[in-house]
Amino acid sequence: MDSKLLARTGAAVFVGLAIVMTLVQLREVPAARPEAAPTMWEPDGDPLPAQLRACAQMGELALSSPDCRAAWAEKRRRFFGVGHPDAYAAVGDDPVTSAPAPQSPDPQSVGEN
């Protein structure tokens, strides 16, 4: 048998097997992916995680909730390890309401210039 004919036959067999294997793979139904195991939260006496979840479900309403602001401040305090309880007391305060209102000029002094 000629070596060129043997090489061509081998190549044809290889291509044929590749096509057959591809068709078999395409006909297979993919296996169902296992669902992620649900994480169970066990209360440990700390209400902060429950409060943070409730705030996350509130959406934009949580921005105006004083309870959510307090929970976020406590979470930051725990995360950064600040020991002083009032370290984040001013974080989140509305600068418009905490700043003194601008005073209008005195009408008598405006007319004197």
PDB file of N, CA and C in Angstrom:
ATOM      1  N   MET A   1       0.842  -1.169   0.000  1.00  0.00           N
ATOM      2  CA  MET A   1       0.000   0.000   0.000  1.00  0.00           C
ATOM      3  C   MET A   1       0.891   1.236   0.000  1.00  0.00           C
ATOM      4  N   ASP A   2       0.497   2.186  -0.758  1.00  0.00           N
ATOM      5  CA  ASP A   2       1.263   3.421  -0.905  1.00  0.00           C
ATOM      6  C   ASP A   2       1.130   4.255   0.371  1.00  0.00           C
ATOM      7  N   SER A   3       2.207   4.918   0.755  1.00  0.00           N
ATOM      8  CA  SER A   3       2.188   5.710   1.999  1.00  0.00           C
ATOM      9  C   SER A   3       1.296   6.938   1.876  1.00  0.00           C
ATOM     10  N   LYS A   4       1.187   7.502   0.669  1.00  0.00           N
ATOM     11  CA  LYS A   4       0.303   8.659   0.488  1.00  0.00           C
ATOM     12  C   LYS A   4      -1.164   8.240   0.660  1.00  0.00           C
ATOM     13  N   LEU A   5      -1.499   7.080   0.134  1.00  0.00           N
ATOM     14  CA  LEU A   5      -2.869   6.589   0.261  1.00  0.00           C
ATOM     15  C   LEU A   5      -3.182   6.285   1.722  1.00  0.00           C
ATOM     16  N   LEU A   6      -2.239   5.737   2.436  1.00  0.00           N
ATOM     17  CA  LEU A   6      -2.420   5.446   3.856  1.00  0.00           C
ATOM     18  C   LEU A   6      -2.614   6.742   4.651  1.00  0.00           C
ATOM     19  N   ALA A   7      -1.859   7.781   4.336  1.00  0.00           N
ATOM     20  CA  ALA A   7      -1.987   9.062   5.026  1.00  0.00           C
ATOM     21  C   ALA A   7      -3.345   9.693   4.740  1.00  0.00           C
ATOM     22  N   ARG A   8      -3.788   9.624   3.492  1.00  0.00           N
ATOM     23  CA  ARG A   8      -5.081  10.205   3.138  1.00  0.00           C
ATOM     24  C   ARG A   8      -6.216   9.443   3.820  1.00  0.00           C
ATOM     25  N   THR A   9      -6.097   8.128   3.863  1.00  0.00           N
ATOM     26  CA  THR A   9      -7.120   7.317   4.526  1.00  0.00           C
ATOM     27  C   THR A   9      -7.164   7.633   6.023  1.00  0.00           C
ATOM     28  N   GLY A  10      -6.022   7.767   6.633  1.00  0.00           N
ATOM     29  CA  GLY A  10      -5.956   8.113   8.056  1.00  0.00           C
ATOM     30  C   GLY A  10      -6.552   9.484   8.329  1.00  0.00           C
ATOM     31  N   ALA A  11      -6.271  10.452   7.461  1.00  0.00           N
ATOM     32  CA  ALA A  11      -6.823  11.788   7.629  1.00  0.00           C
ATOM     33  C   ALA A  11      -8.336  11.770   7.466  1.00  0.00           C
ATOM     34  N   ALA A  12      -8.824  11.006   6.482  1.00  0.00           N
ATOM     35  CA  ALA A  12     -10.263  10.921   6.259  1.00  0.00           C
ATOM     36  C   ALA A  12     -10.960  10.271   7.442  1.00  0.00           C
ATOM     37  N   VAL A  13     -10.348   9.225   8.003  1.00  0.00           N
ATOM     38  CA  VAL A  13     -10.912   8.565   9.183  1.00  0.00           C
ATOM     39  C   VAL A  13     -10.924   9.533  10.366  1.00  0.00           C
ATOM     40  N   PHE A  14      -9.865  10.294  10.548  1.00  0.00           N
ATOM     41  CA  PHE A  14      -9.781  11.260  11.642  1.00  0.00           C
ATOM     42  C   PHE A  14     -10.861  12.329  11.509  1.00  0.00           C
ATOM     43  N   VAL A  15     -11.041  12.880  10.308  1.00  0.00           N
ATOM     44  CA  VAL A  15     -12.065  13.914  10.076  1.00  0.00           C
ATOM     45  C   VAL A  15     -13.458  13.318  10.289  1.00  0.00           C
ATOM     46  N   GLY A  16     -13.663  12.109   9.823  1.00  0.00           N
ATOM     47  CA  GLY A  16     -14.960  11.455  10.013  1.00  0.00           C
ATOM     48  C   GLY A  16     -15.285  11.258  11.479  1.00  0.00           C
ATOM     49  N   LEU A  17     -14.293  10.794  12.243  1.00  0.00           N
ATOM     50  CA  LEU A  17     -14.507  10.626  13.684  1.00  0.00           C
ATOM     51  C   LEU A  17     -14.800  11.971  14.364  1.00  0.00           C
ATOM     52  N   ALA A  18     -14.098  13.003  13.958  1.00  0.00           N
ATOM     53  CA  ALA A  18     -14.336  14.320  14.553  1.00  0.00           C
ATOM     54  C   ALA A  18     -15.754  14.798  14.272  1.00  0.00           C
ATOM     55  N   ILE A  19     -16.244  14.567  13.060  1.00  0.00           N
ATOM     56  CA  ILE A  19     -17.611  14.979  12.712  1.00  0.00           C
ATOM     57  C   ILE A  19     -18.632  14.170  13.506  1.00  0.00           C
ATOM     58  N   VAL A  20     -18.418  12.863  13.607  1.00  0.00           N
ATOM     59  CA  VAL A  20     -19.343  12.011  14.353  1.00  0.00           C
ATOM     60  C   VAL A  20     -19.379  12.414  15.824  1.00  0.00           C
ATOM     61  N   MET A  21     -18.224  12.669  16.420  1.00  0.00           N
ATOM     62  CA  MET A  21     -18.180  13.061  17.832  1.00  0.00           C
ATOM     63  C   MET A  21     -18.862  14.409  18.054  1.00  0.00           C
ATOM     64  N   THR A  22     -18.714  15.317  17.098  1.00  0.00           N
ATOM     65  CA  THR A  22     -19.379  16.611  17.210  1.00  0.00           C
ATOM     66  C   THR A  22     -20.885  16.448  17.152  1.00  0.00           C
ATOM     67  N   LEU A  23     -21.368  15.608  16.242  1.00  0.00           N
ATOM     68  CA  LEU A  23     -22.809  15.378  16.151  1.00  0.00           C
ATOM     69  C   LEU A  23     -23.360  14.724  17.413  1.00  0.00           C
ATOM     70  N   VAL A  24     -22.616  13.811  17.993  1.00  0.00           N
ATOM     71  CA  VAL A  24     -23.056  13.168  19.235  1.00  0.00           C
ATOM     72  C   VAL A  24     -23.141  14.201  20.358  1.00  0.00           C
ATOM     73  N   GLN A  25     -22.157  15.076  20.446  1.00  0.00           N
ATOM     74  CA  GLN A  25     -22.168  16.115  21.484  1.00  0.00           C
ATOM     75  C   GLN A  25     -23.336  17.063  21.304  1.00  0.00           C
ATOM     76  N   LEU A  26     -23.689  17.392  20.063  1.00  0.00           N
ATOM     77  CA  LEU A  26     -24.790  18.317  19.816  1.00  0.00           C
ATOM     78  C   LEU A  26     -26.144  17.692  20.138  1.00  0.00           C
ATOM     79  N   ARG A  27     -26.259  16.391  20.026  1.00  0.00           N
ATOM     80  CA  ARG A  27     -27.527  15.722  20.299  1.00  0.00           C
ATOM     81  C   ARG A  27     -27.752  15.496  21.784  1.00  0.00           C
ATOM     82  N   GLU A  28     -26.707  15.516  22.588  1.00  0.00           N
ATOM     83  CA  GLU A  28     -26.851  15.279  24.027  1.00  0.00           C
ATOM     84  C   GLU A  28     -27.572  16.435  24.689  1.00  0.00           C
ATOM     85  N   VAL A  29     -28.422  16.089  25.636  1.00  0.00           N
ATOM     86  CA  VAL A  29     -29.091  17.103  26.437  1.00  0.00           C
ATOM     87  C   VAL A  29     -28.128  17.496  27.560  1.00  0.00           C
ATOM     88  N   PRO A  30     -27.881  18.784  27.722  1.00  0.00           N
ATOM     89  CA  PRO A  30     -26.943  19.172  28.776  1.00  0.00           C
ATOM     90  C   PRO A  30     -27.471  18.775  30.159  1.00  0.00           C
ATOM     91  N   ALA A  31     -26.577  18.374  30.994  1.00  0.00           N
ATOM     92  CA  ALA A  31     -26.942  17.980  32.349  1.00  0.00           C
ATOM     93  C   ALA A  31     -27.424  19.202  33.122  1.00  0.00           C
ATOM     94  N   ALA A  32     -28.410  18.999  33.970  1.00  0.00           N
ATOM     95  CA  ALA A  32     -28.935  20.100  34.778  1.00  0.00           C
ATOM     96  C   ALA A  32     -27.882  20.537  35.790  1.00  0.00           C
ATOM     97  N   ARG A  33     -27.741  21.834  35.883  1.00  0.00           N
ATOM     98  CA  ARG A  33     -26.776  22.356  36.849  1.00  0.00           C
ATOM     99  C   ARG A  33     -27.366  22.267  38.246  1.00  0.00           C
ATOM    100  N   PRO A  34     -26.569  21.859  39.203  1.00  0.00           N
ATOM    101  CA  PRO A  34     -27.106  21.805  40.569  1.00  0.00           C
ATOM    102  C   PRO A  34     -27.344  23.225  41.086  1.00  0.00           C
ATOM    103  N   GLU A  35     -28.436  23.391  41.788  1.00  0.00           N
ATOM    104  CA  GLU A  35     -28.760  24.699  42.339  1.00  0.00           C
ATOM    105  C   GLU A  35     -27.812  25.003  43.487  1.00  0.00           C
ATOM    106  N   ALA A  36     -27.555  26.279  43.664  1.00  0.00           N
ATOM    107  CA  ALA A  36     -26.697  26.693  44.764  1.00  0.00           C
ATOM    108  C   ALA A  36     -27.396  26.378  46.078  1.00  0.00           C
ATOM    109  N   ALA A  37     -26.635  25.921  47.007  1.00  0.00           N
ATOM    110  CA  ALA A  37     -27.201  25.601  48.309  1.00  0.00           C
ATOM    111  C   ALA A  37     -27.671  26.885  48.981  1.00  0.00           C
ATOM    112  N   PRO A  38     -28.892  26.901  49.487  1.00  0.00           N
ATOM    113  CA  PRO A  38     -29.371  28.123  50.144  1.00  0.00           C
ATOM    114  C   PRO A  38     -28.589  28.368  51.419  1.00  0.00           C
ATOM    115  N   THR A  39     -28.284  29.624  51.636  1.00  0.00           N
ATOM    116  CA  THR A  39     -27.569  29.975  52.861  1.00  0.00           C
ATOM    117  C   THR A  39     -28.591  30.291  53.936  1.00  0.00           C
ATOM    118  N   MET A  40     -28.443  29.650  55.022  1.00  0.00           N
ATOM    119  CA  MET A  40     -29.359  29.860  56.135  1.00  0.00           C
ATOM    120  C   MET A  40     -28.719  30.815  57.127  1.00  0.00           C
ATOM    121  N   TRP A  41     -29.476  31.820  57.488  1.00  0.00           N
ATOM    122  CA  TRP A  41     -28.987  32.779  58.467  1.00  0.00           C
ATOM    123  C   TRP A  41     -29.495  32.373  59.830  1.00  0.00           C
ATOM    124  N   GLU A  42     -28.566  32.174  60.731  1.00  0.00           N
ATOM    125  CA  GLU A  42     -28.932  31.822  62.081  1.00  0.00           C
ATOM    126  C   GLU A  42     -28.723  33.039  62.961  1.00  0.00           C
ATOM    127  N   PRO A  43     -29.776  33.476  63.626  1.00  0.00           N
ATOM    128  CA  PRO A  43     -29.638  34.673  64.456  1.00  0.00           C
ATOM    129  C   PRO A  43     -28.663  34.423  65.597  1.00  0.00           C
ATOM    130  N   ASP A  44     -27.787  35.382  65.825  1.00  0.00           N
ATOM    131  CA  ASP A  44     -26.815  35.257  66.900  1.00  0.00           C
ATOM    132  C   ASP A  44     -26.995  36.375  67.921  1.00  0.00           C
ATOM    133  N   GLY A  45     -28.128  37.023  67.896  1.00  0.00           N
ATOM    134  CA  GLY A  45     -28.378  38.091  68.835  1.00  0.00           C
ATOM    135  C   GLY A  45     -28.000  39.461  68.299  1.00  0.00           C
ATOM    136  N   ASP A  46     -27.363  39.521  67.141  1.00  0.00           N
ATOM    137  CA  ASP A  46     -26.961  40.795  66.563  1.00  0.00           C
ATOM    138  C   ASP A  46     -28.021  41.227  65.547  1.00  0.00           C
ATOM    139  N   PRO A  47     -28.741  42.326  65.804  1.00  0.00           N
ATOM    140  CA  PRO A  47     -29.798  42.740  64.884  1.00  0.00           C
ATOM    141  C   PRO A  47     -29.282  43.485  63.654  1.00  0.00           C
ATOM    142  N   LEU A  48     -27.993  43.811  63.602  1.00  0.00           N
ATOM    143  CA  LEU A  48     -27.460  44.613  62.505  1.00  0.00           C
ATOM    144  C   LEU A  48     -27.611  43.943  61.138  1.00  0.00           C
ATOM    145  N   PRO A  49     -27.281  42.653  60.960  1.00  0.00           N
ATOM    146  CA  PRO A  49     -27.451  42.048  59.633  1.00  0.00           C
ATOM    147  C   PRO A  49     -28.903  42.083  59.149  1.00  0.00           C
ATOM    148  N   ALA A  50     -29.850  41.854  60.060  1.00  0.00           N
ATOM    149  CA  ALA A  50     -31.256  41.896  59.665  1.00  0.00           C
ATOM    150  C   ALA A  50     -31.656  43.313  59.269  1.00  0.00           C
ATOM    151  N   GLN A  51     -31.164  44.296  59.997  1.00  0.00           N
ATOM    152  CA  GLN A  51     -31.473  45.686  59.677  1.00  0.00           C
ATOM    153  C   GLN A  51     -30.877  46.080  58.323  1.00  0.00           C
ATOM    154  N   LEU A  52     -29.648  45.637  58.048  1.00  0.00           N
ATOM    155  CA  LEU A  52     -29.019  45.956  56.768  1.00  0.00           C
ATOM    156  C   LEU A  52     -29.763  45.304  55.603  1.00  0.00           C
ATOM    157  N   ARG A  53     -30.250  44.078  55.790  1.00  0.00           N
ATOM    158  CA  ARG A  53     -31.039  43.425  54.748  1.00  0.00           C
ATOM    159  C   ARG A  53     -32.353  44.162  54.515  1.00  0.00           C
ATOM    160  N   ALA A  54     -32.985  44.598  55.593  1.00  0.00           N
ATOM    161  CA  ALA A  54     -34.242  45.339  55.452  1.00  0.00           C
ATOM    162  C   ALA A  54     -34.002  46.650  54.711  1.00  0.00           C
ATOM    163  N   CYS A  55     -32.899  47.313  55.001  1.00  0.00           N
ATOM    164  CA  CYS A  55     -32.576  48.566  54.322  1.00  0.00           C
ATOM    165  C   CYS A  55     -32.283  48.316  52.841  1.00  0.00           C
ATOM    166  N   ALA A  56     -31.636  47.202  52.533  1.00  0.00           N
ATOM    167  CA  ALA A  56     -31.330  46.883  51.141  1.00  0.00           C
ATOM    168  C   ALA A  56     -32.617  46.621  50.353  1.00  0.00           C
ATOM    169  N   GLN A  57     -33.615  46.065  50.997  1.00  0.00           N
ATOM    170  CA  GLN A  57     -34.874  45.790  50.318  1.00  0.00           C
ATOM    171  C   GLN A  57     -35.717  47.047  50.159  1.00  0.00           C
ATOM    172  N   MET A  58     -35.462  48.077  50.968  1.00  0.00           N
ATOM    173  CA  MET A  58     -36.241  49.314  50.896  1.00  0.00           C
ATOM    174  C   MET A  58     -35.909  50.127  49.649  1.00  0.00           C
ATOM    175  N   GLY A  59     -34.737  49.962  49.103  1.00  0.00           N
ATOM    176  CA  GLY A  59     -34.340  50.724  47.928  1.00  0.00           C
ATOM    177  C   GLY A  59     -33.988  52.155  48.301  1.00  0.00           C
ATOM    178  N   GLU A  60     -34.476  53.102  47.513  1.00  0.00           N
ATOM    179  CA  GLU A  60     -34.133  54.500  47.733  1.00  0.00           C
ATOM    180  C   GLU A  60     -34.772  55.076  48.987  1.00  0.00           C
ATOM    181  N   LEU A  61     -35.827  54.471  49.476  1.00  0.00           N
ATOM    182  CA  LEU A  61     -36.460  54.949  50.706  1.00  0.00           C
ATOM    183  C   LEU A  61     -35.520  54.836  51.896  1.00  0.00           C
ATOM    184  N   ALA A  62     -34.567  53.934  51.806  1.00  0.00           N
ATOM    185  CA  ALA A  62     -33.621  53.741  52.907  1.00  0.00           C
ATOM    186  C   ALA A  62     -32.726  54.956  53.100  1.00  0.00           C
ATOM    187  N   LEU A  63     -32.541  55.765  52.051  1.00  0.00           N
ATOM    188  CA  LEU A  63     -31.684  56.943  52.172  1.00  0.00           C
ATOM    189  C   LEU A  63     -32.234  57.950  53.159  1.00  0.00           C
ATOM    190  N   SER A  64     -33.553  57.998  53.308  1.00  0.00           N
ATOM    191  CA  SER A  64     -34.150  58.966  54.217  1.00  0.00           C
ATOM    192  C   SER A  64     -34.510  58.360  55.570  1.00  0.00           C
ATOM    193  N   SER A  65     -34.255  57.087  55.760  1.00  0.00           N
ATOM    194  CA  SER A  65     -34.592  56.417  57.008  1.00  0.00           C
ATOM    195  C   SER A  65     -33.481  56.606  58.037  1.00  0.00           C
ATOM    196  N   PRO A  66     -33.798  57.158  59.202  1.00  0.00           N
ATOM    197  CA  PRO A  66     -32.756  57.313  60.232  1.00  0.00           C
ATOM    198  C   PRO A  66     -32.254  55.965  60.758  1.00  0.00           C
ATOM    199  N   ASP A  67     -33.125  54.954  60.767  1.00  0.00           N
ATOM    200  CA  ASP A  67     -32.688  53.630  61.219  1.00  0.00           C
ATOM    201  C   ASP A  67     -31.640  53.047  60.278  1.00  0.00           C
ATOM    202  N   CYS A  68     -31.846  53.230  58.970  1.00  0.00           N
ATOM    203  CA  CYS A  68     -30.879  52.714  57.997  1.00  0.00           C
ATOM    204  C   CYS A  68     -29.565  53.484  58.073  1.00  0.00           C
ATOM    205  N   ARG A  69     -29.653  54.785  58.263  1.00  0.00           N
ATOM    206  CA  ARG A  69     -28.419  55.570  58.403  1.00  0.00           C
ATOM    207  C   ARG A  69     -27.629  55.131  59.634  1.00  0.00           C
ATOM    208  N   ALA A  70     -28.330  54.855  60.717  1.00  0.00           N
ATOM    209  CA  ALA A  70     -27.653  54.398  61.929  1.00  0.00           C
ATOM    210  C   ALA A  70     -27.038  53.018  61.715  1.00  0.00           C
ATOM    211  N   ALA A  71     -27.750  52.147  61.004  1.00  0.00           N
ATOM    212  CA  ALA A  71     -27.219  50.803  60.739  1.00  0.00           C
ATOM    213  C   ALA A  71     -25.978  50.884  59.859  1.00  0.00           C
ATOM    214  N   TRP A  72     -26.000  51.746  58.838  1.00  0.00           N
ATOM    215  CA  TRP A  72     -24.830  51.894  57.965  1.00  0.00           C
ATOM    216  C   TRP A  72     -23.650  52.472  58.725  1.00  0.00           C
ATOM    217  N   ALA A  73     -23.917  53.426  59.628  1.00  0.00           N
ATOM    218  CA  ALA A  73     -22.837  54.007  60.424  1.00  0.00           C
ATOM    219  C   ALA A  73     -22.213  52.944  61.334  1.00  0.00           C
ATOM    220  N   GLU A  74     -23.054  52.098  61.912  1.00  0.00           N
ATOM    221  CA  GLU A  74     -22.539  51.027  62.770  1.00  0.00           C
ATOM    222  C   GLU A  74     -21.731  50.021  61.948  1.00  0.00           C
ATOM    223  N   LYS A  75     -22.177  49.727  60.741  1.00  0.00           N
ATOM    224  CA  LYS A  75     -21.444  48.797  59.883  1.00  0.00           C
ATOM    225  C   LYS A  75     -20.074  49.372  59.520  1.00  0.00           C
ATOM    226  N   ARG A  76     -20.035  50.666  59.191  1.00  0.00           N
ATOM    227  CA  ARG A  76     -18.745  51.305  58.897  1.00  0.00           C
ATOM    228  C   ARG A  76     -17.838  51.288  60.121  1.00  0.00           C
ATOM    229  N   ARG A  77     -18.432  51.566  61.288  1.00  0.00           N
ATOM    230  CA  ARG A  77     -17.631  51.584  62.516  1.00  0.00           C
ATOM    231  C   ARG A  77     -17.019  50.208  62.769  1.00  0.00           C
ATOM    232  N   ARG A  78     -17.806  49.158  62.587  1.00  0.00           N
ATOM    233  CA  ARG A  78     -17.288  47.806  62.798  1.00  0.00           C
ATOM    234  C   ARG A  78     -16.252  47.438  61.738  1.00  0.00           C
ATOM    235  N   PHE A  79     -16.502  47.829  60.495  1.00  0.00           N
ATOM    236  CA  PHE A  79     -15.586  47.467  59.416  1.00  0.00           C
ATOM    237  C   PHE A  79     -14.229  48.126  59.597  1.00  0.00           C
ATOM    238  N   PHE A  80     -14.246  49.433  59.894  1.00  0.00           N
ATOM    239  CA  PHE A  80     -12.981  50.152  60.027  1.00  0.00           C
ATOM    240  C   PHE A  80     -12.367  49.999  61.412  1.00  0.00           C
ATOM    241  N   GLY A  81     -13.089  49.436  62.367  1.00  0.00           N
ATOM    242  CA  GLY A  81     -12.550  49.181  63.689  1.00  0.00           C
ATOM    243  C   GLY A  81     -12.345  50.424  64.523  1.00  0.00           C
ATOM    244  N   VAL A  82     -13.171  51.422  64.345  1.00  0.00           N
ATOM    245  CA  VAL A  82     -13.043  52.640  65.129  1.00  0.00           C
ATOM    246  C   VAL A  82     -13.657  52.378  66.495  1.00  0.00           C
ATOM    247  N   GLY A  83     -12.894  52.660  67.544  1.00  0.00           N
ATOM    248  CA  GLY A  83     -13.354  52.367  68.892  1.00  0.00           C
ATOM    249  C   GLY A  83     -14.279  53.413  69.475  1.00  0.00           C
ATOM    250  N   HIS A  84     -14.204  54.630  69.031  1.00  0.00           N
ATOM    251  CA  HIS A  84     -15.003  55.703  69.600  1.00  0.00           C
ATOM    252  C   HIS A  84     -16.426  55.623  69.059  1.00  0.00           C
ATOM    253  N   PRO A  85     -17.456  55.604  69.930  1.00  0.00           N
ATOM    254  CA  PRO A  85     -18.825  55.428  69.447  1.00  0.00           C
ATOM    255  C   PRO A  85     -19.345  56.591  68.605  1.00  0.00           C
ATOM    256  N   ASP A  86     -18.816  57.793  68.799  1.00  0.00           N
ATOM    257  CA  ASP A  86     -19.297  58.945  68.038  1.00  0.00           C
ATOM    258  C   ASP A  86     -18.428  59.236  66.812  1.00  0.00           C
ATOM    259  N   ALA A  87     -17.635  58.278  66.373  1.00  0.00           N
ATOM    260  CA  ALA A  87     -16.697  58.523  65.280  1.00  0.00           C
ATOM    261  C   ALA A  87     -17.412  58.861  63.980  1.00  0.00           C
ATOM    262  N   TYR A  88     -18.575  58.259  63.764  1.00  0.00           N
ATOM    263  CA  TYR A  88     -19.299  58.498  62.522  1.00  0.00           C
ATOM    264  C   TYR A  88     -20.630  59.182  62.784  1.00  0.00           C
ATOM    265  N   ALA A  89     -20.728  59.957  63.841  1.00  0.00           N
ATOM    266  CA  ALA A  89     -21.992  60.600  64.175  1.00  0.00           C
ATOM    267  C   ALA A  89     -22.408  61.592  63.096  1.00  0.00           C
ATOM    268  N   ALA A  90     -21.451  62.277  62.483  1.00  0.00           N
ATOM    269  CA  ALA A  90     -21.791  63.305  61.498  1.00  0.00           C
ATOM    270  C   ALA A  90     -21.859  62.760  60.084  1.00  0.00           C
ATOM    271  N   VAL A  91     -21.479  61.508  59.862  1.00  0.00           N
ATOM    272  CA  VAL A  91     -21.509  60.947  58.513  1.00  0.00           C
ATOM    273  C   VAL A  91     -22.957  60.775  58.091  1.00  0.00           C
ATOM    274  N   GLY A  92     -23.273  61.278  56.932  1.00  0.00           N
ATOM    275  CA  GLY A  92     -24.624  61.117  56.406  1.00  0.00           C
ATOM    276  C   GLY A  92     -25.560  62.237  56.802  1.00  0.00           C
ATOM    277  N   ASP A  93     -25.132  63.155  57.676  1.00  0.00           N
ATOM    278  CA  ASP A  93     -25.985  64.278  58.014  1.00  0.00           C
ATOM    279  C   ASP A  93     -26.163  65.147  56.786  1.00  0.00           C
ATOM    280  N   ASP A  94     -27.345  65.657  56.624  1.00  0.00           N
ATOM    281  CA  ASP A  94     -27.646  66.491  55.468  1.00  0.00           C
ATOM    282  C   ASP A  94     -26.980  67.844  55.667  1.00  0.00           C
ATOM    283  N   PRO A  95     -26.029  68.230  54.803  1.00  0.00           N
ATOM    284  CA  PRO A  95     -25.327  69.492  55.004  1.00  0.00           C
ATOM    285  C   PRO A  95     -26.247  70.694  54.863  1.00  0.00           C
ATOM    286  N   VAL A  96     -27.339  70.550  54.154  1.00  0.00           N
ATOM    287  CA  VAL A  96     -28.245  71.685  53.988  1.00  0.00           C
ATOM    288  C   VAL A  96     -28.947  72.000  55.294  1.00  0.00           C
ATOM    289  N   THR A  97     -29.383  70.957  56.021  1.00  0.00           N
ATOM    290  CA  THR A  97     -30.106  71.199  57.260  1.00  0.00           C
ATOM    291  C   THR A  97     -29.166  71.476  58.428  1.00  0.00           C
ATOM    292  N   SER A  98     -27.934  70.989  58.374  1.00  0.00           N
ATOM    293  CA  SER A  98     -27.025  71.190  59.491  1.00  0.00           C
ATOM    294  C   SER A  98     -26.291  72.519  59.391  1.00  0.00           C
ATOM    295  N   ALA A  99     -26.199  73.102  58.205  1.00  0.00           N
ATOM    296  CA  ALA A  99     -25.510  74.377  58.041  1.00  0.00           C
ATOM    297  C   ALA A  99     -26.461  75.509  58.413  1.00  0.00           C
ATOM    298  N   PRO A 100     -25.926  76.580  58.998  1.00  0.00           N
ATOM    299  CA  PRO A 100     -26.806  77.708  59.326  1.00  0.00           C
ATOM    300  C   PRO A 100     -27.338  78.349  58.055  1.00  0.00           C
ATOM    301  N   ALA A 101     -28.565  78.837  58.148  1.00  0.00           N
ATOM    302  CA  ALA A 101     -29.199  79.457  56.982  1.00  0.00           C
ATOM    303  C   ALA A 101     -28.494  80.767  56.656  1.00  0.00           C
ATOM    304  N   PRO A 102     -28.299  81.057  55.370  1.00  0.00           N
ATOM    305  CA  PRO A 102     -27.653  82.327  55.013  1.00  0.00           C
ATOM    306  C   PRO A 102     -28.567  83.484  55.383  1.00  0.00           C
ATOM    307  N   GLN A 103     -27.951  84.542  55.899  1.00  0.00           N
ATOM    308  CA  GLN A 103     -28.729  85.695  56.325  1.00  0.00           C
ATOM    309  C   GLN A 103     -28.876  86.653  55.164  1.00  0.00           C
ATOM    310  N   SER A 104     -30.054  87.207  55.061  1.00  0.00           N
ATOM    311  CA  SER A 104     -30.287  88.173  54.000  1.00  0.00           C
ATOM    312  C   SER A 104     -29.690  89.520  54.422  1.00  0.00           C
ATOM    313  N   PRO A 105     -29.230  90.300  53.453  1.00  0.00           N
ATOM    314  CA  PRO A 105     -28.640  91.587  53.811  1.00  0.00           C
ATOM    315  C   PRO A 105     -29.702  92.513  54.403  1.00  0.00           C
ATOM    316  N   ASP A 106     -29.242  93.370  55.283  1.00  0.00           N
ATOM    317  CA  ASP A 106     -30.129  94.331  55.926  1.00  0.00           C
ATOM    318  C   ASP A 106     -30.573  95.361  54.881  1.00  0.00           C
ATOM    319  N   PRO A 107     -31.898  95.558  54.687  1.00  0.00           N
ATOM    320  CA  PRO A 107     -32.336  96.488  53.649  1.00  0.00           C
ATOM    321  C   PRO A 107     -31.879  97.923  53.899  1.00  0.00           C
ATOM    322  N   GLN A 108     -31.672  98.321  55.148  1.00  0.00           N
ATOM    323  CA  GLN A 108     -31.233  99.706  55.422  1.00  0.00           C
ATOM    324  C   GLN A 108     -29.778  99.916  55.001  1.00  0.00           C
ATOM    325  N   SER A 109     -28.925  98.871  55.208  1.00  0.00           N
ATOM    326  CA  SER A 109     -27.526  99.026  54.854  1.00  0.00           C
ATOM    327  C   SER A 109     -27.314  98.960  53.350  1.00  0.00           C
ATOM    328  N   VAL A 110     -28.217  98.283  52.614  1.00  0.00           N
ATOM    329  CA  VAL A 110     -28.089  98.198  51.166  1.00  0.00           C
ATOM    330  C   VAL A 110     -28.379  99.564  50.548  1.00  0.00           C
ATOM    331  N   GLY A 111     -29.332 100.272  51.083  1.00  0.00           N
ATOM    332  CA  GLY A 111     -29.702 101.553  50.512  1.00  0.00           C
ATOM    333  C   GLY A 111     -28.695 102.636  50.828  1.00  0.00           C
ATOM    334  N   GLU A 112     -27.842 102.479  51.830  1.00  0.00           N
ATOM    335  CA  GLU A 112     -26.899 103.526  52.238  1.00  0.00           C
ATOM    336  C   GLU A 112     -25.737 103.627  51.282  1.00  0.00           C
ATOM    337  N   ASN A 113     -25.396 102.610  50.527  1.00  0.00           N
ATOM    338  CA  ASN A 113     -24.229 102.647  49.637  1.00  0.00           C
ATOM    339  C   ASN A 113     -24.441 103.495  48.509  1.00  0.00           C
TER     340      ASN A 113
END
